[in-house]
Amino acid sequence: MRQASISQEFLSQIRQEMDRSNVGINENDLSMHLAAPFTATDEEIAKLNLHGRTIETLLATTAKLYAKSINEPSLHWLRDLFEAELDEAVKVVSREGMKLQTLCQPNVVRPDFINFDKIAEVGYQVNGLGLCNSLGNILNGREPMCSTLLTKLFAESIKAYTDKASPLVSFFSPPGTRATEAFTAGLRDYGVEAKLFDGEDLEIYDVVFWRSLSNVVRDNSQTFLLRRGNRNFVPALTCLPGSKIYQFLPFHEETRKFYPDTVRDLLPEASLVTEKTMWDLLAMSNRQRAQFVLKYAGQNGNLNWGARSVFKLGNASSIDGTLLRRACESPQRSPWLVQERIRSKYEVMCLDDDRNSLEVRRGLTARITPRYVQLPSGSLKLAASDVMFSTNWKCHGNINNWVTSIVNLNPPATVAEVTLDAHSTHQQPVKMGGQR
């Protein structure tokens, strides 16, 4: 992936358009910093498409394992890890939901790539689609409200799933952002009546895109959910979207046989934190422990998003010891993982908002987040991608971040069509696939 040669004036105009249209403004009214647009090489796009097929296998295999663990006593340890920290009523809904689990639902899968060879995690994620869609439009010189490949594929998948020409769908999503409104408007352009959930009766919708299983069960009677069935909720009403224990299953001695090597090649190696894991790590030097991160993998909604419970190891033994002891106190109730730390650094052309000028920032980490639309066949189709860079070792949840899009995944306009003035500031191509 390479950043386009681009003028400071053009990037400043992009910044102004983002501010005007409220794209990239979060709930705390903090404006996202902007990096120059990126174009992916043919090799990098081929990798993303290939990884999409591997992610299909990862998600399908993990779903089968959870279903198997519900019914087989020898695998109840695995069931308990998937369902850790859920209320009993939520567990009932999740287990019933697996009976109706379909891998062909209209959905969007979003992996977090560290580089083009490794992902930190992957999940079903409709949250953030508005920003991804509108940012790609703006960086391609289009209006934020324009329809895109992402909205087109998603709408077609929804219509095929519901077998309706104009299905009514609802999103459990933070209200009011222009980006979210633009995305739902794009779906309406293709015949899907999309709206943000406002407390209306769920039964009126053909599809409900939810975010938290516990909230859905709490806000709607368990009897209603089981009577209505799982087909109308996307993703399926199970605990799978909230759990991250899939990250160690391809490496565990009892479950690795279910996953192909391609899955292990894509995921950093991980293991469940146990007392043995803790002592093995504490026996290492600080430098050896620095090769790992400690990550929460359970269902607690206050801990399992935004990288808020991901810690790098390699600190003093007393600090790492405290973290690891707390993590291994009760792995069945609150599972934690130790995962290989992948380090990739990038050189990026960014807009300095304070000085309104372009500058090259070096040594940034990346979070590459392609969006794959799940088609009626169950396959994943690459439709869009944004990228976040940070001065911090983990991108998500930090102020010093810069965002951009891989613009040639979102046709028809391209950065090449933008007219640059004679005073454009040019940069050397930046290779995104490796270390700096």
Protein backbone atom coordinates (compact mmCIF):
# COMPACT_ATOMS: atom_id res chain seq x y z
CA MET A 1 0.00 0.00 0.00
CA ARG A 2 1.32 3.43 -0.92
CA GLN A 3 0.26 6.94 0.02
CA ALA A 4 -0.64 9.21 -2.84
CA SER A 5 1.46 12.24 -3.67
CA ILE A 6 -0.83 14.98 -2.50
CA SER A 7 -0.93 18.70 -1.75
CA GLN A 8 -1.34 20.27 1.65
CA GLU A 9 -4.20 22.33 0.21
CA PHE A 10 -6.10 19.22 -0.90
CA LEU A 11 -5.69 17.50 2.47
CA SER A 12 -6.77 20.70 4.24
CA GLN A 13 -9.91 20.76 2.08
CA ILE A 14 -10.57 17.14 3.06
CA ARG A 15 -10.20 18.11 6.72
CA GLN A 16 -12.67 20.97 6.28
CA GLU A 17 -15.16 18.66 4.56
CA MET A 18 -14.84 16.13 7.40
CA ASP A 19 -15.52 18.86 9.94
CA ARG A 20 -18.43 20.28 7.93
CA SER A 21 -20.09 16.90 7.52
CA ASN A 22 -19.31 15.69 11.04
CA VAL A 23 -17.32 12.72 9.69
CA GLY A 24 -14.68 11.63 12.17
CA ILE A 25 -16.11 13.45 15.17
CA ASN A 26 -16.53 11.03 18.06
CA GLU A 27 -18.87 11.16 21.04
CA ASN A 28 -16.40 13.33 22.97
CA ASP A 29 -16.28 15.91 20.15
CA LEU A 30 -12.65 15.07 19.41
CA SER A 31 -11.80 15.45 15.75
CA MET A 32 -9.79 12.65 14.15
CA HIS A 33 -6.46 13.62 12.61
CA LEU A 34 -6.09 12.91 8.92
CA ALA A 35 -3.42 11.03 6.96
CA ALA A 36 -2.96 11.15 3.19
CA PRO A 37 -5.02 8.66 1.13
CA PHE A 38 -3.55 5.25 0.39
CA THR A 39 -3.66 3.06 -2.67
CA ALA A 40 -3.05 -0.65 -2.27
CA THR A 41 -0.74 -2.61 -4.55
CA ASP A 42 -2.11 -5.55 -6.53
CA GLU A 43 -0.23 -7.89 -4.19
CA GLU A 44 -1.76 -6.29 -1.09
CA ILE A 45 -5.30 -6.44 -2.50
CA ALA A 46 -4.71 -10.09 -3.40
CA LYS A 47 -3.61 -10.74 0.16
CA LEU A 48 -6.74 -9.11 1.59
CA ASN A 49 -8.95 -11.22 -0.67
CA LEU A 50 -7.08 -14.39 0.26
CA HIS A 51 -7.28 -13.57 3.96
CA GLY A 52 -11.04 -13.13 3.55
CA ARG A 53 -11.34 -16.82 2.71
CA THR A 54 -9.20 -17.74 5.72
CA ILE A 55 -11.40 -15.60 7.97
CA GLU A 56 -14.48 -17.41 6.61
CA THR A 57 -12.88 -20.68 7.76
CA LEU A 58 -11.92 -19.27 11.16
CA LEU A 59 -15.45 -17.99 11.91
CA ALA A 60 -17.24 -21.10 10.59
CA THR A 61 -14.97 -23.51 12.46
CA THR A 62 -15.30 -21.57 15.71
CA ALA A 63 -19.11 -21.59 15.42
CA LYS A 64 -19.10 -25.36 14.91
CA LEU A 65 -16.84 -25.80 17.93
CA TYR A 66 -19.15 -23.76 20.17
CA ALA A 67 -22.17 -25.80 18.99
CA LYS A 68 -20.23 -28.99 19.66
CA SER A 69 -19.21 -27.80 23.12
CA ILE A 70 -22.84 -27.23 24.12
CA ASN A 71 -23.77 -30.86 23.51
CA GLU A 72 -20.63 -32.79 24.41
CA PRO A 73 -19.74 -32.99 28.14
CA SER A 74 -16.05 -33.46 27.31
CA LEU A 75 -16.07 -29.99 25.76
CA HIS A 76 -18.06 -28.14 28.43
CA TRP A 77 -14.81 -26.47 29.49
CA LEU A 78 -14.84 -24.80 26.09
CA ARG A 79 -18.53 -23.87 26.33
CA ASP A 80 -17.83 -22.24 29.69
CA LEU A 81 -15.01 -20.18 28.18
CA PHE A 82 -17.24 -18.94 25.36
CA GLU A 83 -20.00 -18.02 27.83
CA ALA A 84 -17.79 -16.72 30.66
CA GLU A 85 -19.39 -13.88 32.67
CA LEU A 86 -22.79 -14.11 30.96
CA ASP A 87 -25.99 -14.31 32.99
CA GLU A 88 -27.87 -17.61 32.87
CA ALA A 89 -30.72 -16.10 30.83
CA VAL A 90 -28.24 -14.89 28.23
CA LYS A 91 -26.62 -18.33 28.06
CA VAL A 92 -30.03 -19.88 27.33
CA VAL A 93 -30.61 -17.47 24.44
CA SER A 94 -27.11 -18.10 23.10
CA ARG A 95 -27.47 -21.89 23.14
CA GLU A 96 -30.88 -21.74 21.51
CA GLY A 97 -29.46 -19.33 18.97
CA MET A 98 -26.88 -21.89 17.88
CA LYS A 99 -29.70 -24.16 16.76
CA LEU A 100 -30.63 -21.48 14.24
CA GLN A 101 -27.09 -20.32 13.50
CA THR A 102 -26.62 -19.41 9.86
CA LEU A 103 -23.34 -18.47 8.28
CA CYS A 104 -25.12 -16.80 5.37
CA GLN A 105 -26.56 -13.81 7.19
CA PRO A 106 -26.11 -10.32 5.72
CA ASN A 107 -23.27 -8.99 7.78
CA VAL A 108 -20.00 -7.10 7.69
CA VAL A 109 -16.84 -8.73 9.02
CA ARG A 110 -14.07 -6.42 10.19
CA PRO A 111 -10.63 -7.81 11.04
CA ASP A 112 -7.98 -5.62 12.64
CA PHE A 113 -4.80 -6.16 10.65
CA ILE A 114 -1.45 -5.22 12.21
CA ASN A 115 0.12 -5.56 8.78
CA PHE A 116 -0.97 -7.38 5.64
CA ASP A 117 0.05 -10.76 7.05
CA LYS A 118 -1.31 -10.80 10.63
CA ILE A 119 -4.57 -9.83 12.34
CA ALA A 120 -4.93 -8.83 15.98
CA GLU A 121 -8.58 -9.95 16.01
CA VAL A 122 -11.69 -10.25 13.86
CA GLY A 123 -15.41 -9.90 14.43
CA TYR A 124 -18.81 -9.03 13.04
CA GLN A 125 -18.91 -5.26 13.16
CA VAL A 126 -21.56 -2.94 11.73
CA ASN A 127 -20.44 -0.21 14.11
CA GLY A 128 -18.12 2.21 12.32
CA LEU A 129 -19.47 1.52 8.83
CA GLY A 130 -20.62 5.13 8.52
CA LEU A 131 -17.14 6.50 9.14
CA CYS A 132 -15.53 3.96 6.80
CA ASN A 133 -18.01 4.70 4.03
CA SER A 134 -17.99 8.51 4.29
CA LEU A 135 -14.24 8.86 4.83
CA GLY A 136 -13.63 6.78 1.71
CA ASN A 137 -16.02 8.98 -0.23
CA ILE A 138 -14.42 12.23 0.93
CA LEU A 139 -10.87 11.06 0.24
CA ASN A 140 -12.00 10.03 -3.23
CA GLY A 141 -13.38 13.52 -3.87
CA ARG A 142 -17.05 12.53 -3.55
CA GLU A 143 -19.84 13.71 -1.31
CA PRO A 144 -20.11 11.82 2.02
CA MET A 145 -23.65 10.73 1.15
CA CYS A 146 -22.64 8.89 -2.03
CA SER A 147 -23.48 5.21 -2.40
CA THR A 148 -20.51 2.88 -2.62
CA LEU A 149 -19.56 -0.73 -3.23
CA LEU A 150 -19.92 -1.29 0.53
CA THR A 151 -23.53 -0.04 0.68
CA LYS A 152 -24.43 -1.77 -2.60
CA LEU A 153 -23.13 -5.21 -1.56
CA PHE A 154 -24.58 -4.92 1.93
CA ALA A 155 -28.02 -3.91 0.59
CA GLU A 156 -28.03 -6.75 -1.94
CA SER A 157 -27.11 -9.25 0.77
CA ILE A 158 -29.91 -7.98 3.05
CA LYS A 159 -32.50 -8.21 0.27
CA ALA A 160 -31.43 -11.72 -0.68
CA TYR A 161 -31.54 -12.86 2.95
CA THR A 162 -35.02 -11.45 3.61
CA ASP A 163 -36.32 -12.27 0.10
CA LYS A 164 -37.85 -8.79 0.00
CA ALA A 165 -37.36 -5.96 -2.45
CA SER A 166 -37.57 -3.32 0.29
CA PRO A 167 -36.83 -4.84 3.72
CA LEU A 168 -37.03 -2.77 6.92
CA VAL A 169 -33.88 -3.01 9.05
CA SER A 170 -32.69 -1.38 12.23
CA PHE A 171 -29.25 -0.71 13.71
CA PHE A 172 -28.47 -0.54 17.42
CA SER A 173 -26.01 2.31 16.89
CA PRO A 174 -25.08 5.62 18.52
CA PRO A 175 -27.51 8.18 17.05
CA GLY A 176 -26.96 11.44 15.29
CA THR A 177 -23.63 11.27 13.47
CA ARG A 178 -23.63 12.42 9.88
CA ALA A 179 -21.52 9.44 8.87
CA THR A 180 -24.05 6.94 10.24
CA GLU A 181 -26.90 8.81 8.61
CA ALA A 182 -24.99 8.80 5.32
CA PHE A 183 -24.52 5.04 5.49
CA THR A 184 -28.20 4.31 6.16
CA ALA A 185 -29.08 6.72 3.34
CA GLY A 186 -26.78 4.74 1.04
CA LEU A 187 -28.65 1.54 1.91
CA ARG A 188 -31.94 3.25 1.12
CA ASP A 189 -30.57 4.14 -2.33
CA TYR A 190 -30.51 0.39 -2.99
CA GLY A 191 -33.98 -0.32 -1.63
CA VAL A 192 -33.27 -1.17 2.03
CA GLU A 193 -35.32 0.86 4.50
CA ALA A 194 -32.59 1.33 7.10
CA LYS A 195 -32.95 3.31 10.31
CA LEU A 196 -31.38 3.63 13.74
CA PHE A 197 -33.29 1.79 16.46
CA ASP A 198 -35.40 4.24 18.47
CA GLY A 199 -37.23 1.95 20.88
CA GLU A 200 -39.93 0.74 18.53
CA ASP A 201 -41.29 -2.79 18.62
CA LEU A 202 -38.59 -5.12 17.30
CA GLU A 203 -41.23 -7.24 15.57
CA ILE A 204 -41.75 -4.65 12.84
CA TYR A 205 -38.23 -5.17 11.47
CA ASP A 206 -37.10 -7.78 8.99
CA VAL A 207 -33.54 -7.59 10.35
CA VAL A 208 -32.13 -6.10 13.56
CA PHE A 209 -28.38 -5.49 13.72
CA TRP A 210 -27.42 -5.67 17.39
CA ARG A 211 -24.26 -4.83 19.35
CA SER A 212 -24.54 -6.41 22.82
CA LEU A 213 -26.20 -9.76 23.49
CA SER A 214 -26.68 -8.99 27.17
CA ASN A 215 -28.41 -5.69 26.34
CA VAL A 216 -30.70 -7.35 23.80
CA VAL A 217 -31.78 -9.99 26.33
CA ARG A 218 -32.16 -7.46 29.13
CA ASP A 219 -34.23 -5.04 27.07
CA ASN A 220 -36.46 -7.70 25.50
CA SER A 221 -38.00 -10.65 27.25
CA GLN A 222 -36.24 -13.96 26.87
CA THR A 223 -39.56 -15.54 25.89
CA PHE A 224 -39.98 -13.06 23.03
CA LEU A 225 -36.48 -13.70 21.72
CA LEU A 226 -36.91 -17.47 21.72
CA ARG A 227 -40.39 -17.27 20.19
CA ARG A 228 -39.32 -14.88 17.47
CA GLY A 229 -36.37 -17.04 16.56
CA ASN A 230 -32.87 -16.07 15.59
CA ARG A 231 -33.28 -15.34 11.91
CA ASN A 232 -34.23 -11.70 12.36
CA PHE A 233 -31.19 -10.82 14.48
CA VAL A 234 -27.79 -10.25 12.87
CA PRO A 235 -25.36 -11.55 13.82
CA ALA A 236 -27.14 -14.61 15.20
CA LEU A 237 -28.15 -14.23 18.87
CA THR A 238 -25.21 -16.16 20.30
CA CYS A 239 -22.27 -15.29 22.50
CA LEU A 240 -19.78 -15.74 19.64
CA PRO A 241 -19.43 -12.06 18.58
CA GLY A 242 -18.54 -11.02 22.14
CA SER A 243 -15.87 -13.63 22.80
CA LYS A 244 -12.21 -13.54 21.79
CA ILE A 245 -11.21 -17.02 22.88
CA TYR A 246 -11.18 -18.10 19.21
CA GLN A 247 -7.72 -16.52 19.14
CA PHE A 248 -6.13 -19.38 21.08
CA LEU A 249 -8.24 -22.31 19.83
CA PRO A 250 -6.21 -22.90 16.63
CA PHE A 251 -3.12 -23.41 18.86
CA HIS A 252 -4.62 -25.39 21.76
CA GLU A 253 -3.76 -29.09 21.90
CA GLU A 254 -7.42 -30.17 22.08
CA THR A 255 -8.80 -27.90 19.35
CA ARG A 256 -5.98 -27.18 16.88
CA LYS A 257 -6.93 -30.21 14.78
CA PHE A 258 -10.13 -28.45 13.71
CA TYR A 259 -8.28 -25.49 12.13
CA PRO A 260 -6.09 -25.50 9.00
CA ASP A 261 -2.58 -24.07 8.97
CA THR A 262 -3.78 -21.03 7.02
CA VAL A 263 -5.66 -19.87 10.12
CA ARG A 264 -2.57 -20.28 12.30
CA ASP A 265 -0.54 -18.35 9.73
CA LEU A 266 -2.95 -15.41 9.99
CA LEU A 267 -3.30 -15.23 13.78
CA PRO A 268 -0.49 -14.38 16.21
CA GLU A 269 0.09 -17.41 18.43
CA ALA A 270 -1.92 -17.25 21.66
CA SER A 271 -2.61 -19.31 24.76
CA LEU A 272 -5.04 -19.17 27.67
CA VAL A 273 -3.60 -17.64 30.84
CA THR A 274 -3.33 -20.29 33.55
CA GLU A 275 -1.14 -20.56 36.60
CA LYS A 276 1.42 -22.52 34.56
CA THR A 277 1.40 -19.82 31.85
CA MET A 278 1.96 -17.17 34.49
CA TRP A 279 4.99 -18.90 36.03
CA ASP A 280 6.46 -19.69 32.61
CA LEU A 281 6.28 -16.01 31.68
CA LEU A 282 7.63 -14.76 34.97
CA ALA A 283 10.61 -17.09 34.57
CA MET A 284 11.54 -15.17 31.41
CA SER A 285 13.58 -12.00 31.26
CA ASN A 286 11.78 -8.69 30.74
CA ARG A 287 13.04 -8.65 27.16
CA GLN A 288 11.63 -12.12 26.47
CA ARG A 289 8.25 -11.21 27.98
CA ALA A 290 8.14 -8.13 25.77
CA GLN A 291 7.38 -10.47 22.88
CA PHE A 292 3.84 -10.93 24.26
CA VAL A 293 0.68 -8.98 25.07
CA LEU A 294 -1.94 -9.79 27.69
CA LYS A 295 -5.49 -9.56 26.35
CA TYR A 296 -8.93 -9.90 27.93
CA ALA A 297 -11.04 -12.49 26.04
CA GLY A 298 -14.34 -12.61 27.94
CA GLN A 299 -17.84 -11.16 27.57
CA ASN A 300 -17.65 -8.14 29.89
CA GLY A 301 -18.81 -5.22 27.75
CA ASN A 302 -16.73 -2.78 29.76
CA LEU A 303 -13.50 -4.62 28.95
CA ASN A 304 -13.76 -6.33 25.56
CA TRP A 305 -13.63 -3.41 23.12
CA GLY A 306 -11.48 -0.39 22.31
CA ALA A 307 -8.23 -2.12 23.33
CA ARG A 308 -8.96 -1.03 26.89
CA SER A 309 -7.90 -4.41 28.32
CA VAL A 310 -4.83 -5.14 26.20
CA PHE A 311 -1.48 -4.77 27.97
CA LYS A 312 2.04 -5.22 26.70
CA LEU A 313 4.33 -7.34 28.84
CA GLY A 314 8.04 -6.82 29.39
CA ASN A 315 7.66 -4.54 32.40
CA ALA A 316 9.33 -5.14 35.74
CA SER A 317 8.55 -8.57 37.15
CA SER A 318 6.48 -7.03 39.94
CA ILE A 319 4.19 -5.23 37.44
CA ASP A 320 3.85 -8.15 35.03
CA GLY A 321 3.36 -10.48 37.99
CA THR A 322 0.43 -8.42 39.27
CA LEU A 323 -1.21 -8.36 35.83
CA LEU A 324 -0.74 -12.09 35.26
CA ARG A 325 -1.88 -13.12 38.75
CA ARG A 326 -5.13 -11.22 38.32
CA ALA A 327 -5.60 -12.70 34.86
CA CYS A 328 -5.19 -16.31 36.00
CA GLU A 329 -7.23 -16.12 39.21
CA SER A 330 -10.29 -17.61 37.53
CA PRO A 331 -9.82 -18.29 33.80
CA GLN A 332 -13.26 -19.95 33.48
CA ARG A 333 -15.01 -16.91 34.92
CA SER A 334 -12.85 -14.26 33.30
CA PRO A 335 -10.61 -15.62 30.51
CA TRP A 336 -7.42 -13.84 29.50
CA LEU A 337 -4.97 -14.67 26.73
CA VAL A 338 -1.27 -14.22 26.19
CA GLN A 339 -0.65 -13.45 22.53
CA GLU A 340 2.47 -13.02 20.42
CA ARG A 341 3.21 -9.34 19.92
CA ILE A 342 3.61 -8.37 16.26
CA ARG A 343 5.58 -5.16 15.68
CA SER A 344 5.32 -3.22 12.44
CA LYS A 345 6.26 0.43 12.05
CA TYR A 346 5.30 2.79 9.24
CA GLU A 347 6.24 6.13 7.78
CA VAL A 348 3.13 8.19 7.04
CA MET A 349 2.32 11.58 5.52
CA CYS A 350 -0.08 13.33 7.91
CA LEU A 351 -1.89 16.64 8.19
CA ASP A 352 -0.78 18.65 11.21
CA ASP A 353 -4.03 20.31 12.28
CA ASP A 354 -2.31 22.89 14.50
CA ARG A 355 -0.02 24.22 11.76
CA ASN A 356 -2.30 23.20 8.86
CA SER A 357 0.68 21.66 7.08
CA LEU A 358 1.83 18.25 5.85
CA GLU A 359 4.48 16.38 7.78
CA VAL A 360 6.03 12.94 7.67
CA ARG A 361 5.65 10.92 10.85
CA ARG A 362 7.85 7.90 11.36
CA GLY A 363 7.60 4.87 13.58
CA LEU A 364 3.79 4.73 13.66
CA THR A 365 1.83 1.57 14.36
CA ALA A 366 -1.11 0.66 12.12
CA ARG A 367 -4.60 -0.76 12.42
CA ILE A 368 -5.81 -1.75 8.94
CA THR A 369 -9.53 -2.51 9.03
CA PRO A 370 -10.99 -3.88 5.78
CA ARG A 371 -14.73 -4.47 5.61
CA TYR A 372 -15.88 -7.77 4.10
CA VAL A 373 -19.57 -8.08 3.28
CA GLN A 374 -20.96 -11.56 3.96
CA LEU A 375 -22.84 -12.61 0.84
CA PRO A 376 -25.87 -14.97 0.66
CA SER A 377 -23.47 -17.78 -0.29
CA GLY A 378 -21.62 -17.30 2.99
CA SER A 379 -18.47 -16.03 1.29
CA LEU A 380 -16.85 -12.72 2.20
CA LYS A 381 -16.42 -9.95 -0.37
CA LEU A 382 -13.86 -7.19 0.22
CA ALA A 383 -15.68 -3.87 -0.11
CA ALA A 384 -13.78 -1.08 1.69
CA SER A 385 -11.02 -0.39 4.19
CA ASP A 386 -9.88 2.40 6.43
CA VAL A 387 -6.55 2.63 8.22
CA MET A 388 -5.60 4.13 11.57
CA PHE A 389 -2.04 5.09 12.53
CA SER A 390 -0.82 5.92 16.00
CA THR A 391 2.24 6.99 17.97
CA ASN A 392 1.09 4.51 20.63
CA TRP A 393 1.96 0.80 20.51
CA LYS A 394 -1.78 0.05 20.20
CA CYS A 395 -3.79 2.17 17.81
CA HIS A 396 -7.30 2.03 19.20
CA GLY A 397 -8.35 4.34 22.04
CA ASN A 398 -5.62 6.98 21.72
CA ILE A 399 -5.71 10.70 20.95
CA ASN A 400 -2.59 10.76 18.75
CA ASN A 401 -4.15 8.83 15.87
CA TRP A 402 -4.43 9.55 12.14
CA VAL A 403 -7.07 8.02 9.88
CA THR A 404 -7.30 7.47 6.14
CA SER A 405 -8.76 5.04 3.60
CA ILE A 406 -7.43 2.58 1.06
CA VAL A 407 -9.08 4.55 -1.70
CA ASN A 408 -8.79 2.15 -4.63
CA LEU A 409 -11.03 -0.36 -2.84
CA ASN A 410 -13.92 2.09 -3.14
CA PRO A 411 -14.49 2.92 -6.86
CA PRO A 412 -15.23 4.73 -9.12
CA ALA A 413 -13.17 7.85 -8.30
CA THR A 414 -9.48 7.52 -7.45
CA VAL A 415 -6.87 9.81 -6.01
CA ALA A 416 -5.22 9.89 -9.45
CA GLU A 417 -8.18 11.94 -10.69
CA VAL A 418 -7.48 14.73 -8.18
CA THR A 419 -5.71 17.72 -9.75
CA LEU A 420 -2.68 18.72 -7.72
CA ASP A 421 -1.33 22.26 -7.86
CA ALA A 422 2.23 23.20 -8.76
CA HIS A 423 3.23 23.49 -5.10
CA SER A 424 2.20 19.99 -4.07
CA THR A 425 4.29 18.37 -1.38
CA HIS A 426 5.31 14.95 -2.66
CA GLN A 427 6.39 12.01 -0.56
CA GLN A 428 8.31 8.88 -1.29
CA PRO A 429 6.12 5.79 -1.68
CA VAL A 430 5.49 4.07 1.64
CA LYS A 431 5.42 0.25 1.64
CA MET A 432 2.82 -0.91 4.09
CA GLY A 433 3.59 -4.60 4.23
CA GLY A 434 6.72 -4.70 6.34
CA GLN A 435 8.93 -3.28 9.03
CA ARG A 436 10.55 0.10 9.00
